[in-house]
Amino acid sequence: MPLLQALVQPAGWQPQASGTSAELRGLSVVSAAVAWASGAKGTVLRTVDGVTWTQLPVPDADKLDFRDIHAVDADTAVIMSAGPGAASRIYRTSDGGASWKLQLTNPDAEGFWDAIAFWDAKNGILFGDPVKGVFQVLVTADGGATWRQVADPKGLAAQANEGAFAASGTCLTVAGSGDAWFSTGGAENARVFHSADRGRSWRAAPVPIPAGAAARGIFSVGFRDGRTGIAAGGDYKEAALATVNGARTEDGGATWTAAPILPEGYMSVVVPVRGALDSFVAAGLAGSGYSTDGGKSWTVLDRTPMNTVGFATPAVGWAVGPKGLVMKYAGPILGKK
């Protein structure tokens, strides 16, 4: 079937009532009607009609910061809190948030979890900052009920001052049935690590996005498949800083070339648009933008500060951000089908 090039027009971000003022950083879009979000003060939200958001309390979690969430459907979701040591936790629900079960607490006092991702309903991966100089990676094969730590001390070795950013739940991403990537900053060089075997072994590559400071580096990495991906970042303390905030790869992350994202400034998330060939959306405190050519060129969508985005289709997506921000994209099709 020939590719159909859709007319690209200005985006349609529209605010939705979230019912909270908490900072929101986690987002999992299941369909055009179902999405979950999470954030500070133990906040978890869900919509099942694409319009109305409901808060789903997690018992004894009001001091936790749920930086990432992965939902399988309207009933099943896994949430991850980020924080030092035991403040990093995994909870799971299978009844739409009516009840939650604590599945795992970080046993390392030095640890700090950053993100989770799933290849399918059963197989997933968890990523955290270095402990004793080695990044933490855990995997699950039962939907997040149990987790096993990966042992690859050489492949997961961290540089001095290197860490990850739990800013959007997307410093870790997966594609296909076994590829995974995570991104870093803070050290002299920003890097993206790649695993082709569901997290068992890793190899890192430098990326031409400036790092060298605790607030600077790669905040997000997104892949449309096992080859084409984009890294996004900047400096979260200087949201409008005009520097290289993006890079792209066509060989699965082995090599990267600079590809600045619009709008200029700090980008905390980049994701492929589900159902749209070569289309990506990036966002951060500088605003949001889109690309329909695999990150080679970008167009500004909006200047509203956001933390993360996700898309169900080329015409339906959500963004969440500061002060309980929830916005829905319900406008023109982004890119090619």
C-alpha atoms as a PDB file:
ATOM      1  CA  MET A   1       0.000   0.000   0.000  1.00  0.00           C
ATOM      2  CA  PRO A   2       1.469   3.404  -0.875  1.00  0.00           C
ATOM      3  CA  LEU A   3       2.296   5.827   1.914  1.00  0.00           C
ATOM      4  CA  LEU A   4      -0.276   8.532   2.400  1.00  0.00           C
ATOM      5  CA  GLN A   5       1.184  11.916   3.242  1.00  0.00           C
ATOM      6  CA  ALA A   6      -1.219  13.761   5.512  1.00  0.00           C
ATOM      7  CA  LEU A   7      -1.423  17.502   5.645  1.00  0.00           C
ATOM      8  CA  VAL A   8       0.400  18.742   8.745  1.00  0.00           C
ATOM      9  CA  GLN A   9      -1.299  21.677  10.429  1.00  0.00           C
ATOM     10  CA  PRO A  10      -0.878  23.418  13.786  1.00  0.00           C
ATOM     11  CA  ALA A  11      -1.461  21.151  16.749  1.00  0.00           C
ATOM     12  CA  GLY A  12      -4.498  21.168  18.972  1.00  0.00           C
ATOM     13  CA  TRP A  13      -3.361  20.990  22.613  1.00  0.00           C
ATOM     14  CA  GLN A  14      -6.373  21.571  24.860  1.00  0.00           C
ATOM     15  CA  PRO A  15      -6.283  21.635  28.686  1.00  0.00           C
ATOM     16  CA  GLN A  16      -8.218  19.054  30.668  1.00  0.00           C
ATOM     17  CA  ALA A  17      -9.144  19.194  34.357  1.00  0.00           C
ATOM     18  CA  SER A  18      -6.822  16.917  36.333  1.00  0.00           C
ATOM     19  CA  GLY A  19      -8.206  17.609  39.798  1.00  0.00           C
ATOM     20  CA  THR A  20      -4.714  17.999  41.247  1.00  0.00           C
ATOM     21  CA  SER A  21      -1.967  20.596  41.539  1.00  0.00           C
ATOM     22  CA  ALA A  22       0.773  17.978  41.921  1.00  0.00           C
ATOM     23  CA  GLU A  23       3.713  17.879  39.511  1.00  0.00           C
ATOM     24  CA  LEU A  24       2.947  15.168  36.936  1.00  0.00           C
ATOM     25  CA  ARG A  25       5.807  13.314  35.200  1.00  0.00           C
ATOM     26  CA  GLY A  26       4.519   9.817  34.396  1.00  0.00           C
ATOM     27  CA  LEU A  27       2.176   9.071  31.479  1.00  0.00           C
ATOM     28  CA  SER A  28       0.992   5.870  29.822  1.00  0.00           C
ATOM     29  CA  VAL A  29      -1.398   6.147  26.879  1.00  0.00           C
ATOM     30  CA  VAL A  30      -3.265   2.899  26.229  1.00  0.00           C
ATOM     31  CA  SER A  31      -5.795   4.010  23.597  1.00  0.00           C
ATOM     32  CA  ALA A  32      -7.700   7.033  22.366  1.00  0.00           C
ATOM     33  CA  ALA A  33      -9.926   6.721  25.442  1.00  0.00           C
ATOM     34  CA  VAL A  34      -7.695   5.228  28.149  1.00  0.00           C
ATOM     35  CA  ALA A  35      -4.622   6.865  29.693  1.00  0.00           C
ATOM     36  CA  TRP A  36      -2.909   6.899  33.086  1.00  0.00           C
ATOM     37  CA  ALA A  37      -0.723   9.606  34.658  1.00  0.00           C
ATOM     38  CA  SER A  38       1.341   9.859  37.831  1.00  0.00           C
ATOM     39  CA  GLY A  39       3.411  12.293  39.836  1.00  0.00           C
ATOM     40  CA  ALA A  40       4.307  13.856  43.175  1.00  0.00           C
ATOM     41  CA  LYS A  41       2.467  13.385  46.486  1.00  0.00           C
ATOM     42  CA  GLY A  42       1.539   9.814  45.567  1.00  0.00           C
ATOM     43  CA  THR A  43      -0.639  10.993  42.682  1.00  0.00           C
ATOM     44  CA  VAL A  44      -2.104   8.542  40.160  1.00  0.00           C
ATOM     45  CA  LEU A  45      -4.771   9.580  37.634  1.00  0.00           C
ATOM     46  CA  ARG A  46      -6.743   7.699  35.001  1.00  0.00           C
ATOM     47  CA  THR A  47      -9.182   8.474  32.209  1.00  0.00           C
ATOM     48  CA  VAL A  48     -11.340   5.820  30.568  1.00  0.00           C
ATOM     49  CA  ASP A  49     -13.339   8.161  28.335  1.00  0.00           C
ATOM     50  CA  GLY A  50     -10.532  10.402  27.098  1.00  0.00           C
ATOM     51  CA  VAL A  51     -12.024  13.398  28.884  1.00  0.00           C
ATOM     52  CA  THR A  52     -12.567  12.911  32.625  1.00  0.00           C
ATOM     53  CA  TRP A  53      -9.636  12.178  34.951  1.00  0.00           C
ATOM     54  CA  THR A  54     -10.078  10.416  38.292  1.00  0.00           C
ATOM     55  CA  GLN A  55      -7.570  10.240  41.133  1.00  0.00           C
ATOM     56  CA  LEU A  56      -6.681   6.752  42.333  1.00  0.00           C
ATOM     57  CA  PRO A  57      -5.166   6.885  45.838  1.00  0.00           C
ATOM     58  CA  VAL A  58      -2.263   4.576  46.688  1.00  0.00           C
ATOM     59  CA  PRO A  59      -2.328   3.705  50.419  1.00  0.00           C
ATOM     60  CA  ASP A  60       0.491   5.220  52.511  1.00  0.00           C
ATOM     61  CA  ALA A  61       2.143   6.705  49.412  1.00  0.00           C
ATOM     62  CA  ASP A  62       1.343  10.399  49.808  1.00  0.00           C
ATOM     63  CA  LYS A  63       5.046  11.241  50.267  1.00  0.00           C
ATOM     64  CA  LEU A  64       6.182   9.264  47.214  1.00  0.00           C
ATOM     65  CA  ASP A  65       6.917  10.764  43.803  1.00  0.00           C
ATOM     66  CA  PHE A  66       5.579   8.472  41.070  1.00  0.00           C
ATOM     67  CA  ARG A  67       7.844   9.487  38.196  1.00  0.00           C
ATOM     68  CA  ASP A  68       6.803   6.696  35.811  1.00  0.00           C
ATOM     69  CA  ILE A  69       3.806   4.523  35.031  1.00  0.00           C
ATOM     70  CA  HIS A  70       3.093   1.735  32.563  1.00  0.00           C
ATOM     71  CA  ALA A  71      -0.484   0.643  31.869  1.00  0.00           C
ATOM     72  CA  VAL A  72      -1.538  -2.512  30.049  1.00  0.00           C
ATOM     73  CA  ASP A  73      -5.221  -1.583  29.865  1.00  0.00           C
ATOM     74  CA  ALA A  74      -7.889   0.238  31.863  1.00  0.00           C
ATOM     75  CA  ASP A  75      -7.440  -2.143  34.809  1.00  0.00           C
ATOM     76  CA  THR A  76      -3.757  -3.078  34.953  1.00  0.00           C
ATOM     77  CA  ALA A  77      -0.888  -0.695  35.646  1.00  0.00           C
ATOM     78  CA  VAL A  78       2.566  -0.612  37.230  1.00  0.00           C
ATOM     79  CA  ILE A  79       3.845   2.571  38.895  1.00  0.00           C
ATOM     80  CA  MET A  80       7.381   3.483  39.950  1.00  0.00           C
ATOM     81  CA  SER A  81       8.351   6.034  42.566  1.00  0.00           C
ATOM     82  CA  ALA A  82      11.745   7.717  42.420  1.00  0.00           C
ATOM     83  CA  GLY A  83      13.828   8.755  45.378  1.00  0.00           C
ATOM     84  CA  PRO A  84      16.781   7.780  47.551  1.00  0.00           C
ATOM     85  CA  GLY A  85      16.865   4.160  48.662  1.00  0.00           C
ATOM     86  CA  ALA A  86      13.510   2.915  49.943  1.00  0.00           C
ATOM     87  CA  ALA A  87      11.696   5.900  48.406  1.00  0.00           C
ATOM     88  CA  SER A  88      12.115   4.054  45.091  1.00  0.00           C
ATOM     89  CA  ARG A  89       9.288   1.516  44.871  1.00  0.00           C
ATOM     90  CA  ILE A  90       7.132  -0.480  42.469  1.00  0.00           C
ATOM     91  CA  TYR A  91       3.363  -0.868  42.942  1.00  0.00           C
ATOM     92  CA  ARG A  92       0.876  -2.749  40.778  1.00  0.00           C
ATOM     93  CA  THR A  93      -2.895  -2.747  40.319  1.00  0.00           C
ATOM     94  CA  SER A  94      -5.095  -5.168  38.394  1.00  0.00           C
ATOM     95  CA  ASP A  95      -8.460  -3.675  39.346  1.00  0.00           C
ATOM     96  CA  GLY A  96      -8.266  -0.188  37.887  1.00  0.00           C
ATOM     97  CA  GLY A  97      -6.576   1.343  40.914  1.00  0.00           C
ATOM     98  CA  ALA A  98      -9.150   0.215  43.460  1.00  0.00           C
ATOM     99  CA  SER A  99      -6.284  -1.555  45.242  1.00  0.00           C
ATOM    100  CA  TRP A 100      -2.507  -1.490  44.935  1.00  0.00           C
ATOM    101  CA  LYS A 101       0.155  -4.019  45.904  1.00  0.00           C
ATOM    102  CA  LEU A 102       3.705  -3.032  46.787  1.00  0.00           C
ATOM    103  CA  GLN A 103       5.863  -5.304  44.627  1.00  0.00           C
ATOM    104  CA  LEU A 104       9.403  -4.061  45.242  1.00  0.00           C
ATOM    105  CA  THR A 105      11.373  -1.557  47.324  1.00  0.00           C
ATOM    106  CA  ASN A 106      14.888  -0.494  46.367  1.00  0.00           C
ATOM    107  CA  PRO A 107      17.189  -2.348  48.802  1.00  0.00           C
ATOM    108  CA  ASP A 108      20.189  -0.086  48.095  1.00  0.00           C
ATOM    109  CA  ALA A 109      20.402   3.048  50.233  1.00  0.00           C
ATOM    110  CA  GLU A 110      22.549   4.623  47.491  1.00  0.00           C
ATOM    111  CA  GLY A 111      20.049   3.717  44.765  1.00  0.00           C
ATOM    112  CA  PHE A 112      17.614   5.968  42.918  1.00  0.00           C
ATOM    113  CA  TRP A 113      15.265   4.511  40.318  1.00  0.00           C
ATOM    114  CA  ASP A 114      14.565   6.527  37.173  1.00  0.00           C
ATOM    115  CA  ALA A 115      12.153   4.737  34.811  1.00  0.00           C
ATOM    116  CA  ILE A 116      10.350   1.554  33.777  1.00  0.00           C
ATOM    117  CA  ALA A 117       9.368   0.230  30.345  1.00  0.00           C
ATOM    118  CA  PHE A 118       7.664  -2.890  29.002  1.00  0.00           C
ATOM    119  CA  TRP A 119       8.011  -4.829  25.754  1.00  0.00           C
ATOM    120  CA  ASP A 120       4.642  -6.522  26.344  1.00  0.00           C
ATOM    121  CA  ALA A 121       2.196  -7.221  29.180  1.00  0.00           C
ATOM    122  CA  LYS A 122       4.642  -9.567  30.931  1.00  0.00           C
ATOM    123  CA  ASN A 123       8.201  -8.530  30.086  1.00  0.00           C
ATOM    124  CA  GLY A 124       9.562  -5.267  31.424  1.00  0.00           C
ATOM    125  CA  ILE A 125      12.664  -3.456  32.604  1.00  0.00           C
ATOM    126  CA  LEU A 126      13.565  -1.059  35.436  1.00  0.00           C
ATOM    127  CA  PHE A 127      16.512   1.345  35.389  1.00  0.00           C
ATOM    128  CA  GLY A 128      18.237   3.304  38.146  1.00  0.00           C
ATOM    129  CA  ASP A 129      21.229   5.483  38.950  1.00  0.00           C
ATOM    130  CA  PRO A 130      24.625   3.923  39.681  1.00  0.00           C
ATOM    131  CA  VAL A 131      25.258   2.001  42.890  1.00  0.00           C
ATOM    132  CA  LYS A 132      28.970   1.525  43.560  1.00  0.00           C
ATOM    133  CA  GLY A 133      29.712   2.809  40.062  1.00  0.00           C
ATOM    134  CA  VAL A 134      27.295   0.529  38.183  1.00  0.00           C
ATOM    135  CA  PHE A 135      23.858   1.474  36.804  1.00  0.00           C
ATOM    136  CA  GLN A 136      20.974  -0.566  38.220  1.00  0.00           C
ATOM    137  CA  VAL A 137      18.918  -2.648  35.789  1.00  0.00           C
ATOM    138  CA  LEU A 138      16.192  -5.089  36.827  1.00  0.00           C
ATOM    139  CA  VAL A 139      13.866  -7.143  34.639  1.00  0.00           C
ATOM    140  CA  THR A 140      10.474  -8.785  35.097  1.00  0.00           C
ATOM    141  CA  ALA A 141       8.779 -11.615  33.203  1.00  0.00           C
ATOM    142  CA  ASP A 142       5.482 -11.606  35.098  1.00  0.00           C
ATOM    143  CA  GLY A 143       4.086  -8.142  34.525  1.00  0.00           C
ATOM    144  CA  GLY A 144       5.966  -6.488  37.362  1.00  0.00           C
ATOM    145  CA  ALA A 145       5.072  -8.879  40.174  1.00  0.00           C
ATOM    146  CA  THR A 146       8.686  -9.971  40.660  1.00  0.00           C
ATOM    147  CA  TRP A 147      11.991  -8.464  39.520  1.00  0.00           C
ATOM    148  CA  ARG A 148      15.508  -9.811  38.990  1.00  0.00           C
ATOM    149  CA  GLN A 149      18.654  -7.659  38.967  1.00  0.00           C
ATOM    150  CA  VAL A 150      20.869  -7.794  35.876  1.00  0.00           C
ATOM    151  CA  ALA A 151      24.585  -8.439  36.363  1.00  0.00           C
ATOM    152  CA  ASP A 152      26.720  -6.704  33.714  1.00  0.00           C
ATOM    153  CA  PRO A 153      29.203  -4.628  35.719  1.00  0.00           C
ATOM    154  CA  LYS A 154      31.387  -3.845  32.708  1.00  0.00           C
ATOM    155  CA  GLY A 155      28.599  -2.870  30.305  1.00  0.00           C
ATOM    156  CA  LEU A 156      26.746  -0.853  32.968  1.00  0.00           C
ATOM    157  CA  ALA A 157      29.800   0.919  34.398  1.00  0.00           C
ATOM    158  CA  ALA A 158      29.206   4.634  34.996  1.00  0.00           C
ATOM    159  CA  GLN A 159      31.548   7.553  34.381  1.00  0.00           C
ATOM    160  CA  ALA A 160      32.393   9.966  37.182  1.00  0.00           C
ATOM    161  CA  ASN A 161      29.312  12.067  38.047  1.00  0.00           C
ATOM    162  CA  GLU A 162      27.167  10.201  35.495  1.00  0.00           C
ATOM    163  CA  GLY A 163      23.510   9.647  36.236  1.00  0.00           C
ATOM    164  CA  ALA A 164      20.067   9.676  34.696  1.00  0.00           C
ATOM    165  CA  PHE A 165      17.110  12.053  34.884  1.00  0.00           C
ATOM    166  CA  ALA A 166      13.770  10.835  36.237  1.00  0.00           C
ATOM    167  CA  ALA A 167      12.057  13.796  34.606  1.00  0.00           C
ATOM    168  CA  SER A 168       9.548  12.129  32.298  1.00  0.00           C
ATOM    169  CA  GLY A 169       9.716   8.346  32.605  1.00  0.00           C
ATOM    170  CA  THR A 170      11.439   8.243  29.216  1.00  0.00           C
ATOM    171  CA  CYS A 171      15.160   8.134  29.970  1.00  0.00           C
ATOM    172  CA  LEU A 172      14.517   4.410  29.389  1.00  0.00           C
ATOM    173  CA  THR A 173      12.711   3.036  26.347  1.00  0.00           C
ATOM    174  CA  VAL A 174      12.188  -0.255  24.526  1.00  0.00           C
ATOM    175  CA  ALA A 175      11.336  -1.421  21.003  1.00  0.00           C
ATOM    176  CA  GLY A 176      10.473  -4.713  19.342  1.00  0.00           C
ATOM    177  CA  SER A 177      10.794  -7.819  21.499  1.00  0.00           C
ATOM    178  CA  GLY A 178      14.203  -7.272  23.070  1.00  0.00           C
ATOM    179  CA  ASP A 179      15.828  -3.882  22.422  1.00  0.00           C
ATOM    180  CA  ALA A 180      16.239  -1.381  25.268  1.00  0.00           C
ATOM    181  CA  TRP A 181      18.023   1.948  25.630  1.00  0.00           C
ATOM    182  CA  PHE A 182      18.681   4.356  28.492  1.00  0.00           C
ATOM    183  CA  SER A 183      20.217   7.833  28.493  1.00  0.00           C
ATOM    184  CA  THR A 184      22.522   9.707  30.859  1.00  0.00           C
ATOM    185  CA  GLY A 185      23.986  13.081  31.711  1.00  0.00           C
ATOM    186  CA  GLY A 186      25.948  14.877  34.389  1.00  0.00           C
ATOM    187  CA  ALA A 187      29.316  13.453  33.344  1.00  0.00           C
ATOM    188  CA  GLU A 188      31.795  14.891  30.861  1.00  0.00           C
ATOM    189  CA  ASN A 189      29.944  13.119  28.003  1.00  0.00           C
ATOM    190  CA  ALA A 190      26.263  12.307  27.598  1.00  0.00           C
ATOM    191  CA  ARG A 191      25.681   8.685  26.595  1.00  0.00           C
ATOM    192  CA  VAL A 192      23.003   6.250  25.459  1.00  0.00           C
ATOM    193  CA  PHE A 193      23.277   2.607  26.523  1.00  0.00           C
ATOM    194  CA  HIS A 194      21.776  -0.134  24.332  1.00  0.00           C
ATOM    195  CA  SER A 195      20.817  -3.733  25.036  1.00  0.00           C
ATOM    196  CA  ALA A 196      19.646  -6.117  22.314  1.00  0.00           C
ATOM    197  CA  ASP A 197      18.883  -9.014  24.682  1.00  0.00           C
ATOM    198  CA  ARG A 198      16.215  -7.688  27.068  1.00  0.00           C
ATOM    199  CA  GLY A 199      18.671  -5.995  29.355  1.00  0.00           C
ATOM    200  CA  ARG A 200      21.136  -8.809  29.980  1.00  0.00           C
ATOM    201  CA  SER A 201      24.120  -7.051  28.363  1.00  0.00           C
ATOM    202  CA  TRP A 202      24.833  -3.412  27.476  1.00  0.00           C
ATOM    203  CA  ARG A 203      27.012  -1.188  25.327  1.00  0.00           C
ATOM    204  CA  ALA A 204      27.284   2.608  25.616  1.00  0.00           C
ATOM    205  CA  ALA A 205      27.821   5.235  22.916  1.00  0.00           C
ATOM    206  CA  PRO A 206      28.609   8.960  23.257  1.00  0.00           C
ATOM    207  CA  VAL A 207      25.966  11.418  22.067  1.00  0.00           C
ATOM    208  CA  PRO A 208      26.681  15.029  20.968  1.00  0.00           C
ATOM    209  CA  ILE A 209      24.346  16.661  23.492  1.00  0.00           C
ATOM    210  CA  PRO A 210      26.224  18.824  26.040  1.00  0.00           C
ATOM    211  CA  ALA A 211      26.620  17.427  29.545  1.00  0.00           C
ATOM    212  CA  GLY A 212      29.333  18.210  32.089  1.00  0.00           C
ATOM    213  CA  ALA A 213      26.991  19.555  34.797  1.00  0.00           C
ATOM    214  CA  ALA A 214      24.539  17.922  37.197  1.00  0.00           C
ATOM    215  CA  ALA A 215      21.499  19.434  35.457  1.00  0.00           C
ATOM    216  CA  ARG A 216      22.660  18.845  31.894  1.00  0.00           C
ATOM    217  CA  GLY A 217      22.591  15.936  29.468  1.00  0.00           C
ATOM    218  CA  ILE A 218      20.107  13.564  27.826  1.00  0.00           C
ATOM    219  CA  PHE A 219      16.731  13.387  29.528  1.00  0.00           C
ATOM    220  CA  SER A 220      14.880  11.152  27.087  1.00  0.00           C
ATOM    221  CA  VAL A 221      15.399   8.634  24.314  1.00  0.00           C
ATOM    222  CA  GLY A 222      12.742   7.362  21.897  1.00  0.00           C
ATOM    223  CA  PHE A 223      12.898   4.725  19.153  1.00  0.00           C
ATOM    224  CA  ARG A 224      10.363   3.947  16.440  1.00  0.00           C
ATOM    225  CA  ASP A 225      12.044   0.534  15.863  1.00  0.00           C
ATOM    226  CA  GLY A 226      15.380  -1.140  16.446  1.00  0.00           C
ATOM    227  CA  ARG A 227      17.256   1.317  14.227  1.00  0.00           C
ATOM    228  CA  THR A 228      15.838   4.855  14.194  1.00  0.00           C
ATOM    229  CA  GLY A 229      15.884   6.820  17.432  1.00  0.00           C
ATOM    230  CA  ILE A 230      16.149  10.305  18.899  1.00  0.00           C
ATOM    231  CA  ALA A 231      17.753  11.565  22.096  1.00  0.00           C
ATOM    232  CA  ALA A 232      16.533  14.801  23.702  1.00  0.00           C
ATOM    233  CA  GLY A 233      17.782  16.922  26.567  1.00  0.00           C
ATOM    234  CA  GLY A 234      19.406  20.146  27.614  1.00  0.00           C
ATOM    235  CA  ASP A 235      19.720  21.821  31.013  1.00  0.00           C
ATOM    236  CA  TYR A 236      16.664  21.813  33.265  1.00  0.00           C
ATOM    237  CA  LYS A 237      17.999  24.821  35.192  1.00  0.00           C
ATOM    238  CA  GLU A 238      18.198  26.848  31.960  1.00  0.00           C
ATOM    239  CA  ALA A 239      15.019  25.950  30.098  1.00  0.00           C
ATOM    240  CA  ALA A 240      15.543  28.485  27.309  1.00  0.00           C
ATOM    241  CA  LEU A 241      19.246  27.799  26.758  1.00  0.00           C
ATOM    242  CA  ALA A 242      19.912  27.651  23.013  1.00  0.00           C
ATOM    243  CA  THR A 243      22.246  24.684  22.712  1.00  0.00           C
ATOM    244  CA  VAL A 244      22.165  21.296  20.997  1.00  0.00           C
ATOM    245  CA  ASN A 245      19.149  19.627  22.585  1.00  0.00           C
ATOM    246  CA  GLY A 246      18.704  16.664  20.219  1.00  0.00           C
ATOM    247  CA  ALA A 247      20.528  13.903  18.368  1.00  0.00           C
ATOM    248  CA  ARG A 248      19.461  11.060  16.095  1.00  0.00           C
ATOM    249  CA  THR A 249      20.637   7.588  15.165  1.00  0.00           C
ATOM    250  CA  GLU A 250      19.856   5.210  12.318  1.00  0.00           C
ATOM    251  CA  ASP A 251      21.922   2.255  13.561  1.00  0.00           C
ATOM    252  CA  GLY A 252      20.202   1.406  16.822  1.00  0.00           C
ATOM    253  CA  GLY A 253      22.243   3.800  18.913  1.00  0.00           C
ATOM    254  CA  ALA A 254      25.751   2.753  17.921  1.00  0.00           C
ATOM    255  CA  THR A 255      26.446   6.230  16.497  1.00  0.00           C
ATOM    256  CA  TRP A 256      24.663   9.570  16.904  1.00  0.00           C
ATOM    257  CA  THR A 257      24.583  12.885  15.041  1.00  0.00           C
ATOM    258  CA  ALA A 258      23.427  16.240  16.404  1.00  0.00           C
ATOM    259  CA  ALA A 259      19.876  17.158  15.345  1.00  0.00           C
ATOM    260  CA  PRO A 260      18.570  20.181  17.287  1.00  0.00           C
ATOM    261  CA  ILE A 261      14.914  20.064  18.287  1.00  0.00           C
ATOM    262  CA  LEU A 262      12.427  22.922  18.096  1.00  0.00           C
ATOM    263  CA  PRO A 263      11.523  24.815  20.140  1.00  0.00           C
ATOM    264  CA  GLU A 264      15.041  25.609  21.337  1.00  0.00           C
ATOM    265  CA  GLY A 265      15.726  24.841  24.969  1.00  0.00           C
ATOM    266  CA  TYR A 266      15.274  22.084  27.509  1.00  0.00           C
ATOM    267  CA  MET A 267      13.466  18.963  26.284  1.00  0.00           C
ATOM    268  CA  SER A 268      12.540  16.298  28.862  1.00  0.00           C
ATOM    269  CA  VAL A 269      10.781  13.852  26.516  1.00  0.00           C
ATOM    270  CA  VAL A 270      10.818  12.560  22.953  1.00  0.00           C
ATOM    271  CA  VAL A 271       8.471   9.806  21.784  1.00  0.00           C
ATOM    272  CA  PRO A 272       7.506   8.211  18.471  1.00  0.00           C
ATOM    273  CA  VAL A 273       3.929   8.893  17.427  1.00  0.00           C
ATOM    274  CA  ARG A 274       2.113   5.577  17.407  1.00  0.00           C
ATOM    275  CA  GLY A 275       0.754   4.817  13.952  1.00  0.00           C
ATOM    276  CA  ALA A 276       2.692   7.557  12.139  1.00  0.00           C
ATOM    277  CA  LEU A 277       5.777   6.560  10.196  1.00  0.00           C
ATOM    278  CA  ASP A 278       8.857   8.689  11.022  1.00  0.00           C
ATOM    279  CA  SER A 279       6.910  11.043  13.321  1.00  0.00           C
ATOM    280  CA  PHE A 280       8.152  12.062  16.777  1.00  0.00           C
ATOM    281  CA  VAL A 281       6.991  14.603  19.357  1.00  0.00           C
ATOM    282  CA  ALA A 282       9.387  16.227  21.819  1.00  0.00           C
ATOM    283  CA  ALA A 283       8.485  18.406  24.777  1.00  0.00           C
ATOM    284  CA  GLY A 284       9.868  20.043  27.896  1.00  0.00           C
ATOM    285  CA  LEU A 285       9.800  23.283  29.827  1.00  0.00           C
ATOM    286  CA  ALA A 286      10.652  25.061  26.556  1.00  0.00           C
ATOM    287  CA  GLY A 287       7.431  23.803  24.918  1.00  0.00           C
ATOM    288  CA  SER A 288       6.703  21.085  22.373  1.00  0.00           C
ATOM    289  CA  GLY A 289       7.557  20.307  18.763  1.00  0.00           C
ATOM    290  CA  TYR A 290       7.152  17.584  16.153  1.00  0.00           C
ATOM    291  CA  SER A 291       9.129  15.948  13.378  1.00  0.00           C
ATOM    292  CA  THR A 292       7.755  13.936  10.460  1.00  0.00           C
ATOM    293  CA  ASP A 293      11.130  12.875   9.054  1.00  0.00           C
ATOM    294  CA  GLY A 294      12.704  10.903  11.879  1.00  0.00           C
ATOM    295  CA  GLY A 295      14.092  13.936  13.675  1.00  0.00           C
ATOM    296  CA  LYS A 296      15.920  15.589  10.785  1.00  0.00           C
ATOM    297  CA  SER A 297      13.743  18.701  10.990  1.00  0.00           C
ATOM    298  CA  TRP A 298      11.299  20.061  13.575  1.00  0.00           C
ATOM    299  CA  THR A 299       8.266  22.342  13.802  1.00  0.00           C
ATOM    300  CA  VAL A 300       7.107  24.098  16.966  1.00  0.00           C
ATOM    301  CA  LEU A 301       3.792  22.859  18.335  1.00  0.00           C
ATOM    302  CA  ASP A 302       3.311  24.959  21.451  1.00  0.00           C
ATOM    303  CA  ARG A 303       5.173  26.949  24.112  1.00  0.00           C
ATOM    304  CA  THR A 304       3.360  25.506  27.118  1.00  0.00           C
ATOM    305  CA  PRO A 305       5.859  23.938  29.578  1.00  0.00           C
ATOM    306  CA  MET A 306       5.362  20.163  29.772  1.00  0.00           C
ATOM    307  CA  ASN A 307       7.126  17.203  31.372  1.00  0.00           C
ATOM    308  CA  THR A 308       6.077  14.289  29.190  1.00  0.00           C
ATOM    309  CA  VAL A 309       3.801  13.304  26.295  1.00  0.00           C
ATOM    310  CA  GLY A 310       2.341  10.154  24.754  1.00  0.00           C
ATOM    311  CA  PHE A 311       0.216   9.304  21.720  1.00  0.00           C
ATOM    312  CA  ALA A 312      -2.463   6.703  21.046  1.00  0.00           C
ATOM    313  CA  THR A 313      -2.801   7.595  17.359  1.00  0.00           C
ATOM    314  CA  PRO A 314      -1.422  10.334  15.079  1.00  0.00           C
ATOM    315  CA  ALA A 315      -4.450  12.426  16.057  1.00  0.00           C
ATOM    316  CA  VAL A 316      -4.875  11.671  19.796  1.00  0.00           C
ATOM    317  CA  GLY A 317      -2.362  12.144  22.584  1.00  0.00           C
ATOM    318  CA  TRP A 318      -1.784  13.676  26.003  1.00  0.00           C
ATOM    319  CA  ALA A 319       0.779  15.778  27.814  1.00  0.00           C
ATOM    320  CA  VAL A 320       1.288  16.229  31.557  1.00  0.00           C
ATOM    321  CA  GLY A 321       3.408  18.677  33.465  1.00  0.00           C
ATOM    322  CA  PRO A 322       3.813  21.215  36.274  1.00  0.00           C
ATOM    323  CA  LYS A 323       1.027  22.093  38.723  1.00  0.00           C
ATOM    324  CA  GLY A 324      -1.230  19.231  37.662  1.00  0.00           C
ATOM    325  CA  LEU A 325      -1.133  20.117  33.969  1.00  0.00           C
ATOM    326  CA  VAL A 326      -3.006  17.709  31.688  1.00  0.00           C
ATOM    327  CA  MET A 327      -3.474  18.563  28.020  1.00  0.00           C
ATOM    328  CA  LYS A 328      -5.018  16.524  25.212  1.00  0.00           C
ATOM    329  CA  TYR A 329      -3.895  16.600  21.602  1.00  0.00           C
ATOM    330  CA  ALA A 330      -6.973  16.114  19.473  1.00  0.00           C
ATOM    331  CA  GLY A 331      -6.178  17.718  16.181  1.00  0.00           C
ATOM    332  CA  PRO A 332      -4.682  17.198  12.758  1.00  0.00           C
ATOM    333  CA  ILE A 333      -2.838  13.992  11.957  1.00  0.00           C
ATOM    334  CA  LEU A 334       0.895  14.195  12.653  1.00  0.00           C
ATOM    335  CA  GLY A 335       2.850  12.799   9.739  1.00  0.00           C
ATOM    336  CA  LYS A 336       2.442   9.713   7.572  1.00  0.00           C
ATOM    337  CA  LYS A 337       0.297   6.646   8.090  1.00  0.00           C
END
